[in-house]
Every structure is written in C-alpha cells, then in structure tokens.
Protein backbone atom coordinates (compact mmCIF):
# COMPACT_ATOMS: atom_id res chain seq x y z
CA MET A 1 -124.94 -27.00 51.26
CA ARG A 2 -124.31 -29.33 48.33
CA ALA A 3 -121.21 -28.77 46.23
CA GLU A 4 -123.42 -28.26 43.17
CA ALA A 5 -125.41 -25.52 44.88
CA GLN A 6 -122.23 -23.90 46.19
CA ALA A 7 -120.82 -23.80 42.65
CA HIS A 8 -123.96 -22.06 41.41
CA VAL A 9 -123.72 -19.51 44.23
CA GLU A 10 -120.08 -18.76 43.44
CA LYS A 11 -120.93 -18.28 39.78
CA ILE A 12 -123.73 -15.86 40.67
CA ASN A 13 -121.51 -13.95 43.11
CA ALA A 14 -118.73 -13.60 40.54
CA ALA A 15 -121.13 -12.32 37.87
CA MET A 16 -122.76 -9.79 40.18
CA ALA A 17 -119.41 -8.60 41.52
CA LEU A 18 -118.28 -7.94 37.95
CA VAL A 19 -121.45 -5.99 37.16
CA ARG A 20 -121.09 -3.92 40.35
CA ARG A 21 -117.50 -3.14 39.46
CA PHE A 22 -118.29 -2.27 35.88
CA ILE A 23 -121.10 0.19 36.61
CA ASP A 24 -119.32 1.55 39.73
CA TRP A 25 -122.17 0.60 42.06
CA ASP A 26 -122.12 3.48 44.57
CA ARG A 27 -121.69 6.10 41.85
CA ALA A 28 -124.46 4.45 39.78
CA LEU A 29 -126.91 4.64 42.70
CA ARG A 30 -126.17 8.34 43.21
CA ARG A 31 -126.43 9.03 39.50
CA LEU A 32 -129.78 7.23 39.26
CA ASP A 33 -131.15 9.38 42.10
CA GLU A 34 -129.97 12.50 40.24
CA LEU A 35 -131.59 11.37 37.00
CA ASN A 36 -134.86 10.50 38.75
CA ALA A 37 -134.94 14.01 40.22
CA ARG A 38 -134.31 15.57 36.80
CA VAL A 39 -137.03 13.49 35.16
CA GLU A 40 -139.56 14.89 37.66
CA ASP A 41 -138.66 18.45 36.59
CA PRO A 42 -141.20 19.60 33.93
CA SER A 43 -138.64 21.98 32.38
CA LEU A 44 -136.58 18.98 31.26
CA TRP A 45 -138.74 18.56 28.15
CA ASN A 46 -137.98 22.08 26.96
CA ASP A 47 -134.98 20.47 25.27
CA PRO A 48 -136.24 17.18 23.75
CA LYS A 49 -132.78 16.05 22.62
CA GLN A 50 -131.28 16.42 26.10
CA ALA A 51 -134.37 14.84 27.67
CA GLN A 52 -134.05 11.82 25.41
CA ALA A 53 -130.39 11.37 26.37
CA ILE A 54 -131.23 11.61 30.07
CA MET A 55 -134.10 9.14 29.78
CA SER A 56 -131.86 6.71 27.89
CA GLU A 57 -129.12 6.91 30.55
CA ARG A 58 -131.71 6.51 33.31
CA ARG A 59 -133.18 3.42 31.63
CA ARG A 60 -129.77 1.75 31.25
CA LEU A 61 -128.79 2.42 34.87
CA ASP A 62 -132.17 1.35 36.21
CA GLU A 63 -132.07 -1.94 34.28
CA SER A 64 -128.55 -2.78 35.47
CA ILE A 65 -129.23 -1.92 39.12
CA ASN A 66 -132.58 -3.72 39.26
CA ALA A 67 -131.06 -6.80 37.61
CA VAL A 68 -128.40 -7.03 40.35
CA LYS A 69 -130.89 -6.45 43.17
CA THR A 70 -133.37 -9.02 41.80
CA ILE A 71 -130.77 -11.75 41.26
CA GLU A 72 -129.19 -11.22 44.69
CA LYS A 73 -132.62 -11.30 46.35
CA ASP A 74 -133.58 -14.51 44.52
CA ARG A 75 -130.17 -16.03 45.39
CA ASP A 76 -130.60 -15.33 49.10
CA GLY A 77 -134.16 -16.67 49.11
CA THR A 78 -133.13 -19.88 47.31
CA ILE A 79 -130.20 -20.43 49.68
CA GLU A 80 -132.54 -20.12 52.66
CA LEU A 81 -134.91 -22.62 51.06
CA ILE A 82 -132.06 -25.11 50.51
CA GLU A 83 -130.87 -24.77 54.12
CA LEU A 84 -134.42 -25.25 55.39
CA ALA A 85 -134.90 -28.34 53.20
CA GLU A 86 -131.60 -29.80 54.47
CA MET A 87 -132.70 -29.28 58.09
CA GLU A 88 -136.01 -31.04 57.44
CA GLY A 89 -134.48 -33.74 55.23
CA ASP A 90 -136.78 -32.92 52.31
CA THR A 91 -134.66 -33.97 49.33
CA ALA A 92 -137.38 -33.21 46.78
CA ILE A 93 -137.57 -29.54 47.73
CA GLU A 94 -133.78 -29.39 47.97
CA ASP A 95 -133.36 -30.80 44.45
CA GLU A 96 -135.87 -28.31 43.10
CA ALA A 97 -134.14 -25.41 44.86
CA VAL A 98 -130.72 -26.44 43.52
CA GLU A 99 -132.18 -26.59 40.02
CA SER A 100 -133.63 -23.09 40.49
CA LEU A 101 -130.23 -21.91 41.67
CA GLY A 102 -128.67 -23.28 38.47
CA ALA A 103 -131.21 -21.40 36.35
CA LEU A 104 -130.46 -18.26 38.35
CA ALA A 105 -126.73 -18.71 37.68
CA ALA A 106 -127.42 -18.93 33.94
CA ARG A 107 -129.56 -15.81 34.15
CA SER A 108 -126.84 -13.96 36.01
CA GLU A 109 -124.42 -14.65 33.14
CA ILE A 110 -126.89 -13.19 30.64
CA ASP A 111 -127.47 -10.11 32.81
CA LYS A 112 -123.71 -9.73 33.23
CA ILE A 113 -123.22 -9.56 29.48
CA LYS A 114 -126.10 -7.08 29.14
CA ALA A 115 -124.48 -4.86 31.76
CA LEU A 116 -121.15 -5.02 29.96
CA LEU A 117 -122.93 -3.84 26.81
CA ALA A 118 -124.12 -0.59 28.38
CA GLY A 119 -121.55 1.73 26.83
CA GLU A 120 -122.39 4.94 25.01
CA ALA A 121 -122.31 3.39 21.52
CA ASP A 122 -122.76 -0.29 22.36
CA GLY A 123 -126.29 -0.37 21.00
CA ASN A 124 -125.25 1.00 17.60
CA ASN A 125 -124.58 -0.87 14.39
CA ALA A 126 -120.92 -1.75 13.80
CA PHE A 127 -118.41 -1.56 10.99
CA ILE A 128 -115.91 -4.44 11.00
CA GLU A 129 -112.82 -3.73 8.90
CA ILE A 130 -110.52 -6.67 8.11
CA ASN A 131 -107.08 -6.36 6.51
CA ALA A 132 -104.65 -9.15 5.65
CA GLY A 133 -101.16 -8.75 7.09
CA ALA A 134 -97.79 -9.60 5.58
CA GLY A 135 -97.51 -13.18 4.37
CA GLY A 136 -99.22 -13.26 1.00
CA THR A 137 -101.67 -16.09 0.41
CA GLU A 138 -101.47 -17.38 4.00
CA SER A 139 -102.56 -14.07 5.54
CA GLN A 140 -105.13 -13.41 2.83
CA ASP A 141 -106.68 -16.82 3.45
CA TRP A 142 -106.77 -16.06 7.19
CA ALA A 143 -108.43 -12.68 6.50
CA GLY A 144 -111.04 -14.50 4.42
CA MET A 145 -111.65 -16.92 7.28
CA LEU A 146 -112.13 -13.99 9.67
CA GLN A 147 -114.66 -12.43 7.31
CA ARG A 148 -116.59 -15.69 7.22
CA MET A 149 -116.40 -16.02 11.02
CA TYR A 150 -117.91 -12.61 11.68
CA THR A 151 -120.54 -13.00 8.98
CA ARG A 152 -121.71 -16.38 10.32
CA TRP A 153 -121.56 -15.14 13.92
CA ALA A 154 -123.75 -12.15 13.09
CA GLU A 155 -126.26 -14.21 11.14
CA ARG A 156 -126.63 -16.71 13.98
CA ARG A 157 -127.37 -13.87 16.39
CA GLY A 158 -130.08 -12.52 14.10
CA LEU A 159 -127.98 -9.56 12.94
CA LYS A 160 -127.94 -8.30 9.36
CA VAL A 161 -124.60 -8.09 7.51
CA GLU A 162 -123.82 -5.85 4.55
CA LEU A 163 -120.56 -6.04 2.58
CA ILE A 164 -119.41 -2.42 2.18
CA ASP A 165 -115.95 -2.86 0.66
CA PHE A 166 -114.11 -5.93 -0.65
CA HIS A 167 -110.77 -6.74 -2.30
CA ASP A 168 -110.08 -10.33 -3.39
CA GLY A 169 -106.85 -12.09 -2.55
CA GLU A 170 -104.44 -13.04 -5.29
CA GLN A 171 -104.89 -16.83 -4.91
CA ALA A 172 -107.23 -17.30 -1.96
CA GLY A 173 -109.01 -15.29 0.70
CA ILE A 174 -109.17 -11.50 0.71
CA LYS A 175 -106.82 -8.55 0.94
CA SER A 176 -109.37 -6.46 2.82
CA ALA A 177 -113.10 -6.24 3.52
CA THR A 178 -115.47 -4.03 5.47
CA LEU A 179 -118.73 -5.36 6.93
CA LEU A 180 -121.62 -3.34 8.32
CA VAL A 181 -123.33 -5.37 11.05
CA LYS A 182 -126.82 -4.12 11.88
CA GLY A 183 -128.81 -5.07 14.96
CA GLU A 184 -129.17 -4.70 18.71
CA ASN A 185 -125.84 -4.25 20.54
CA ALA A 186 -123.86 -5.03 17.38
CA PHE A 187 -120.99 -2.73 18.33
CA GLY A 188 -121.09 -3.78 21.98
CA TRP A 189 -120.56 -7.40 21.06
CA ALA A 190 -117.97 -6.84 18.35
CA LYS A 191 -115.84 -4.06 19.89
CA THR A 192 -113.48 -6.42 21.71
CA GLU A 193 -112.39 -7.88 18.38
CA SER A 194 -110.31 -4.82 17.47
CA GLY A 195 -106.64 -5.75 17.26
CA VAL A 196 -104.31 -8.16 15.50
CA HIS A 197 -105.51 -11.73 15.03
CA ARG A 198 -102.99 -14.53 14.60
CA LEU A 199 -103.55 -18.02 13.24
CA VAL A 200 -101.08 -20.87 13.77
CA ARG A 201 -101.71 -23.96 11.64
CA ILE A 202 -100.23 -26.52 9.27
CA SER A 203 -100.48 -24.67 5.98
CA PRO A 204 -102.65 -26.25 3.26
CA TYR A 205 -100.58 -24.26 0.74
CA ASP A 206 -97.22 -25.70 1.83
CA SER A 207 -96.27 -28.99 0.14
CA ALA A 208 -93.85 -29.68 3.02
CA ALA A 209 -96.71 -29.44 5.57
CA ARG A 210 -94.88 -26.91 7.73
CA ARG A 211 -96.49 -24.81 10.43
CA HIS A 212 -97.21 -21.21 9.43
CA THR A 213 -98.23 -18.15 11.43
CA SER A 214 -100.58 -15.69 9.72
CA PHE A 215 -101.69 -12.23 10.83
CA SER A 216 -104.71 -10.09 10.04
CA SER A 217 -105.90 -6.86 11.62
CA VAL A 218 -109.48 -6.15 12.64
CA TRP A 219 -110.86 -2.73 13.48
CA VAL A 220 -114.39 -2.35 14.86
CA TYR A 221 -116.10 1.04 15.12
CA PRO A 222 -119.74 2.08 15.63
CA GLU A 223 -122.05 3.49 12.99
CA VAL A 224 -122.93 7.06 13.96
CA ASP A 225 -126.54 8.20 13.76
CA ASP A 226 -127.80 11.74 13.15
CA ASP A 227 -128.15 12.40 16.89
CA ILE A 228 -124.36 12.44 17.26
CA ASP A 229 -122.79 15.64 15.95
CA ILE A 230 -119.48 15.06 14.14
CA GLN A 231 -117.96 18.19 12.61
CA ILE A 232 -116.15 17.59 9.31
CA GLU A 233 -114.88 20.57 7.30
CA ASP A 234 -114.44 20.40 3.54
CA LYS A 235 -110.91 21.81 3.72
CA ASP A 236 -109.88 18.79 5.82
CA LEU A 237 -110.88 16.28 3.15
CA ARG A 238 -109.32 14.88 0.00
CA ILE A 239 -111.85 12.97 -2.11
CA ASP A 240 -110.70 10.68 -4.92
CA THR A 241 -112.74 8.63 -7.36
CA TYR A 242 -111.46 5.56 -9.17
CA ARG A 243 -112.61 2.44 -10.95
CA ALA A 244 -113.79 -0.38 -8.73
CA SER A 245 -111.75 -3.58 -8.75
CA GLY A 246 -112.92 -7.17 -8.95
CA ALA A 247 -116.18 -8.61 -10.24
CA GLY A 248 -119.02 -6.18 -10.50
CA GLY A 249 -120.18 -5.92 -14.05
CA GLN A 250 -119.34 -3.69 -16.99
CA HIS A 251 -120.72 -0.52 -15.45
CA VAL A 252 -118.76 -0.85 -12.20
CA ASN A 253 -115.45 -1.59 -13.91
CA ARG A 254 -115.71 1.08 -16.63
CA THR A 255 -116.77 4.12 -14.57
CA ASP A 256 -115.15 5.92 -11.65
CA SER A 257 -117.81 4.76 -9.20
CA ALA A 258 -115.51 3.94 -6.26
CA VAL A 259 -114.82 6.71 -3.72
CA ARG A 260 -111.88 7.21 -1.37
CA ILE A 261 -111.87 9.96 1.31
CA VAL A 262 -108.80 11.03 3.28
CA HIS A 263 -109.28 13.06 6.46
CA LEU A 264 -106.11 15.13 6.43
CA PRO A 265 -105.84 16.14 10.14
CA THR A 266 -106.03 12.52 11.36
CA ASN A 267 -104.86 10.74 8.18
CA ILE A 268 -107.91 8.45 8.37
CA VAL A 269 -108.71 6.84 5.01
CA VAL A 270 -112.08 5.35 4.08
CA GLN A 271 -113.36 4.02 0.80
CA SER A 272 -116.41 2.39 -0.73
CA GLN A 273 -116.86 0.62 -4.05
CA ASP A 274 -119.68 -1.83 -3.43
CA ASP A 275 -122.43 0.17 -5.13
CA ARG A 276 -122.72 1.02 -8.84
CA SER A 277 -123.60 4.61 -7.94
CA GLN A 278 -120.77 7.00 -7.09
CA HIS A 279 -123.25 9.06 -5.06
CA LYS A 280 -124.16 6.10 -2.83
CA ASN A 281 -120.51 5.10 -2.45
CA ARG A 282 -119.69 8.66 -1.40
CA GLU A 283 -122.51 8.57 1.16
CA THR A 284 -121.27 5.24 2.55
CA ALA A 285 -117.69 6.50 2.72
CA PHE A 286 -118.81 9.58 4.68
CA LYS A 287 -120.69 7.33 7.12
CA ARG A 288 -117.53 5.32 7.69
CA LEU A 289 -115.49 8.48 8.16
CA ARG A 290 -117.91 9.86 10.76
CA ALA A 291 -117.89 6.49 12.51
CA LYS A 292 -114.08 6.36 12.64
CA LEU A 293 -113.84 9.92 13.94
CA TYR A 294 -116.42 9.12 16.62
CA GLU A 295 -114.56 5.95 17.63
CA ARG A 296 -111.37 8.00 17.87
CA GLU A 297 -113.16 10.43 20.18
CA LEU A 298 -114.44 7.55 22.34
CA GLN A 299 -110.89 6.20 22.67
CA ILE A 300 -109.63 9.62 23.77
CA ARG A 301 -112.39 9.86 26.38
CA GLU A 302 -111.69 6.34 27.63
CA ALA A 303 -107.98 7.09 27.95
CA LYS A 304 -108.75 10.23 29.99
CA ALA A 305 -111.20 8.35 32.21
CA ASN A 306 -108.68 5.59 32.87
CA ALA A 307 -106.01 8.16 33.69
CA GLU A 308 -108.33 9.82 36.21
CA ASN A 309 -109.49 6.56 37.78
CA ALA A 310 -106.58 4.53 39.14
CA THR A 311 -108.81 1.50 39.84
CA LYS A 312 -109.40 0.91 36.12
CA THR A 313 -106.62 -0.46 33.95
CA ASP A 314 -106.08 0.59 30.35
CA ILE A 315 -104.94 -2.60 28.67
CA GLY A 316 -104.63 -1.17 25.18
CA TRP A 317 -107.10 -3.22 23.15
CA GLY A 318 -105.87 -1.79 19.89
CA HIS A 319 -102.56 -3.64 20.39
CA GLN A 320 -103.83 -6.94 21.77
CA ILE A 321 -103.37 -10.12 19.76
CA ARG A 322 -106.03 -12.81 19.64
CA SER A 323 -104.41 -16.06 18.57
CA TYR A 324 -106.24 -19.08 17.21
CA VAL A 325 -104.16 -22.24 17.40
CA LEU A 326 -105.25 -25.17 15.25
CA GLN A 327 -103.71 -28.07 17.16
CA PRO A 328 -103.25 -31.65 15.87
CA TYR A 329 -106.57 -32.79 17.36
CA GLN A 330 -108.36 -29.78 15.84
CA MET A 331 -108.80 -27.86 19.09
CA VAL A 332 -108.85 -24.07 18.94
CA LYS A 333 -107.43 -21.90 21.71
CA ASP A 334 -107.72 -18.14 22.06
CA LEU A 335 -104.47 -17.08 23.70
CA ARG A 336 -105.84 -13.71 24.75
CA THR A 337 -108.66 -15.06 26.90
CA GLY A 338 -107.56 -18.66 27.41
CA VAL A 339 -110.85 -19.99 26.00
CA THR A 340 -110.53 -23.35 24.26
CA SER A 341 -113.04 -24.87 21.85
CA THR A 342 -113.23 -28.51 20.83
CA ALA A 343 -115.42 -27.70 17.81
CA PRO A 344 -113.23 -25.74 15.40
CA ASP A 345 -115.70 -25.94 12.53
CA GLU A 346 -118.29 -24.14 14.62
CA VAL A 347 -115.78 -21.56 15.80
CA LEU A 348 -114.49 -20.83 12.33
CA ASP A 349 -118.05 -20.66 11.03
CA GLY A 350 -118.85 -17.88 13.46
CA ALA A 351 -119.91 -19.31 16.84
CA LEU A 352 -117.75 -16.69 18.57
CA ASP A 353 -119.91 -16.00 21.62
CA PRO A 354 -117.62 -17.80 24.13
CA PHE A 355 -114.58 -15.90 22.88
CA MET A 356 -116.37 -12.56 22.81
CA ALA A 357 -117.97 -13.01 26.24
CA ALA A 358 -114.57 -13.87 27.74
CA ALA A 359 -113.01 -10.83 26.08
CA LEU A 360 -115.76 -8.55 27.45
CA SER A 361 -115.18 -9.85 30.98
CA GLN A 362 -111.43 -9.50 30.59
CA ARG A 363 -111.85 -5.93 29.39
CA VAL A 364 -113.45 -5.04 32.74
CA THR A 365 -111.25 -7.06 35.08
CA GLY A 366 -107.99 -6.44 33.23
CA GLU A 367 -106.93 -10.00 33.99
CA THR A 368 -104.95 -11.85 31.33
CA ALA A 369 -105.23 -15.60 30.90
CA ASP A 370 -102.16 -17.56 31.98
CA VAL A 371 -101.40 -19.59 28.86
CA GLU A 372 -98.34 -20.62 26.91
CA ASP A 373 -97.45 -19.01 23.62
CA VAL A 374 -97.15 -21.65 20.91
CA ASP A 375 -94.45 -19.83 19.02
C-alpha cells in the first residue's frame, strides 16, 4: 500500500482507538443494550424527566458507537479496494480510493472530537471567567488578549457571546471579565481552557525591550438549566449590592445596581454589574453561582471516578499551565499540548481550535507533550 494511504489508515486507527478508550467500548455496548431494553418498557414514560435523561444518554451512546462502526467498516472496504486496484494495476481506481481514504481520515477526526464532547454538561452554554494575575499592566494586557481570543473564537464557531462582568485595567487590558458563551457544545469545547495561562514576549511597555512573563487565570464552568437541581439555602448566602465601576452611564454609576453573592460553605464568590437593573444582575449572579456549584460537583464526581478506575489518569486540569510563547519570528507554541502555530494574529484573534482539540485529546490520553520550557 502507498505511504500516503498508510498514513491515512494510521490516522483513522488512532482516532478510533481514542474514541473507544474514551467511551470505554465494552462497557458502552453493554450500557446501550440496557438502555434499549428500558426504552421498550412502556412504564418508562411514567416519569417523563427520567425518560428524557435515558433517551438522551441512549442517543449519545448510539451516535458514538455507530460512528466508530461506520468509519471502521468504510476503512476496511477502502483498503480492500486499494489492494485490489494494486493487484490489477488500475492506478485510476487506486488514486480515487486513496482520496476517499483521506476524506475518511478527516471525518474520523471530526467524529473523534464529537465523541470527546459527550460529557454530562458538554452541550451546555459556558461561563468563561478571566482574571489578571500579578504583574500589573503586563498581566492585565494579557488578560485582555485572552478575552479577545475567546470572543473571536466563539464568534467564528457561530456561538453567541455575552459580557456578564467586566473590570478595566489601569492602563491597558482588563483586571477581570466574565463571558457567557451560548451555543452547541460551548462548555465541551471550552472546558479544557481552565487553568493558568502564561504569555512570554518582548514587552511593548518596557522601553528596554526586555522579555516579560505574564499570567492570567481562566475558569470555565457550564450554565445550569432548570432540569438540574442545585440546592441553595438562604442561610448559606451573603448578598451585597454596590455601585458598578467603569463606563455605564449616570444611572449605573449612581445606584447600587451591581450584585455580589458569597456562598459561605464553599467560599465561592460571584458578581454581576453589566445590567442597569439590580434585579437582573441578581438573577445573573445566581445563575453563575448555580453553575459554579454544579461544576464543583462534577469535579468531585470525576475525582471519585478516576480513583475507582486505575486506567484513567487524573492530571489536575485546574493546575495546568498553558503557555503561549511569542518567538522572534512570531511563532506561537502551546507548551501544554506542544501545538505550534505560524499565524499568531489568527491565534490571538481566536482561532483556537487546534489548541483546544489537542487539549481534549490530551485530557483523555493523559500524555504530556515533550517540549522545552522557555523560562
């Protein structure tokens, strides 16, 4: 077989192996049989909420399993066609089959990403919270760049972005910002961004043109809908109102329209000041609080699952650092995944798909890229 065709086959095999590992293939087949049996039971619909959850789980499993079976079947059939064409010396058919194999490899990458976005809350909208680290203007500028990156990335994927909370930097950039990204699989795509992000570059604010390292933290958590029950008691909350900061008009700056809520048992703090209405800001803050409590619960469940399953590695995404290195020839490298881009303007404007796809794959395999730290 041609080297080109062999490369396509290896790419397909790697993608399907990752999907099989992620969904735990044997367990997924057994679970699908169980769900199919439950769907055939008429008493299932006595509880519509439970029935909806079962049907949703069945749909996700069925799509992932059928995608693997279809791609592997098409791969085997195309390989046989290539071997037959080689035996008969028909280069035209062979060229066409190799081209089909390339298209199948591209499809396998898309199906791989879809399978990786099959988590419980992956289909939900996502809050992206950005905070500048220590370092003054440098870190605030970096936080502003991150906000622009995620906004442009979301817009290019057809997702809607709302600015929920915003605090301007002293000279440039931002001190903090919270975005609500709405659309299909918004949380699934963005969840691997949680952690500390580091930028190494020649500072535009340093007259001596020295290299600076800036840090900003990013926390991504899903928006919780009404189907998910999150219990919050009034005695566990401290609610403060205050005047909004920054531009916003006379009404915003002269009334206590901004709302801050502290969840005392977990010490989680949320706030909202984007709207002129205190009532709407309170509603938004409660949404963020429910989302953060739900994300905390998901992390606890994931930690327990990893502890019970020795084959899966907990690599602590909340403590990972994604580093963007602006090198002399304007190349950008992500030190967490090893992905390098030769188009920094596109990356910094939000074309983050290569970085995010690599991070999703790394999350499943637990493999860390072998790269040098620039510091």
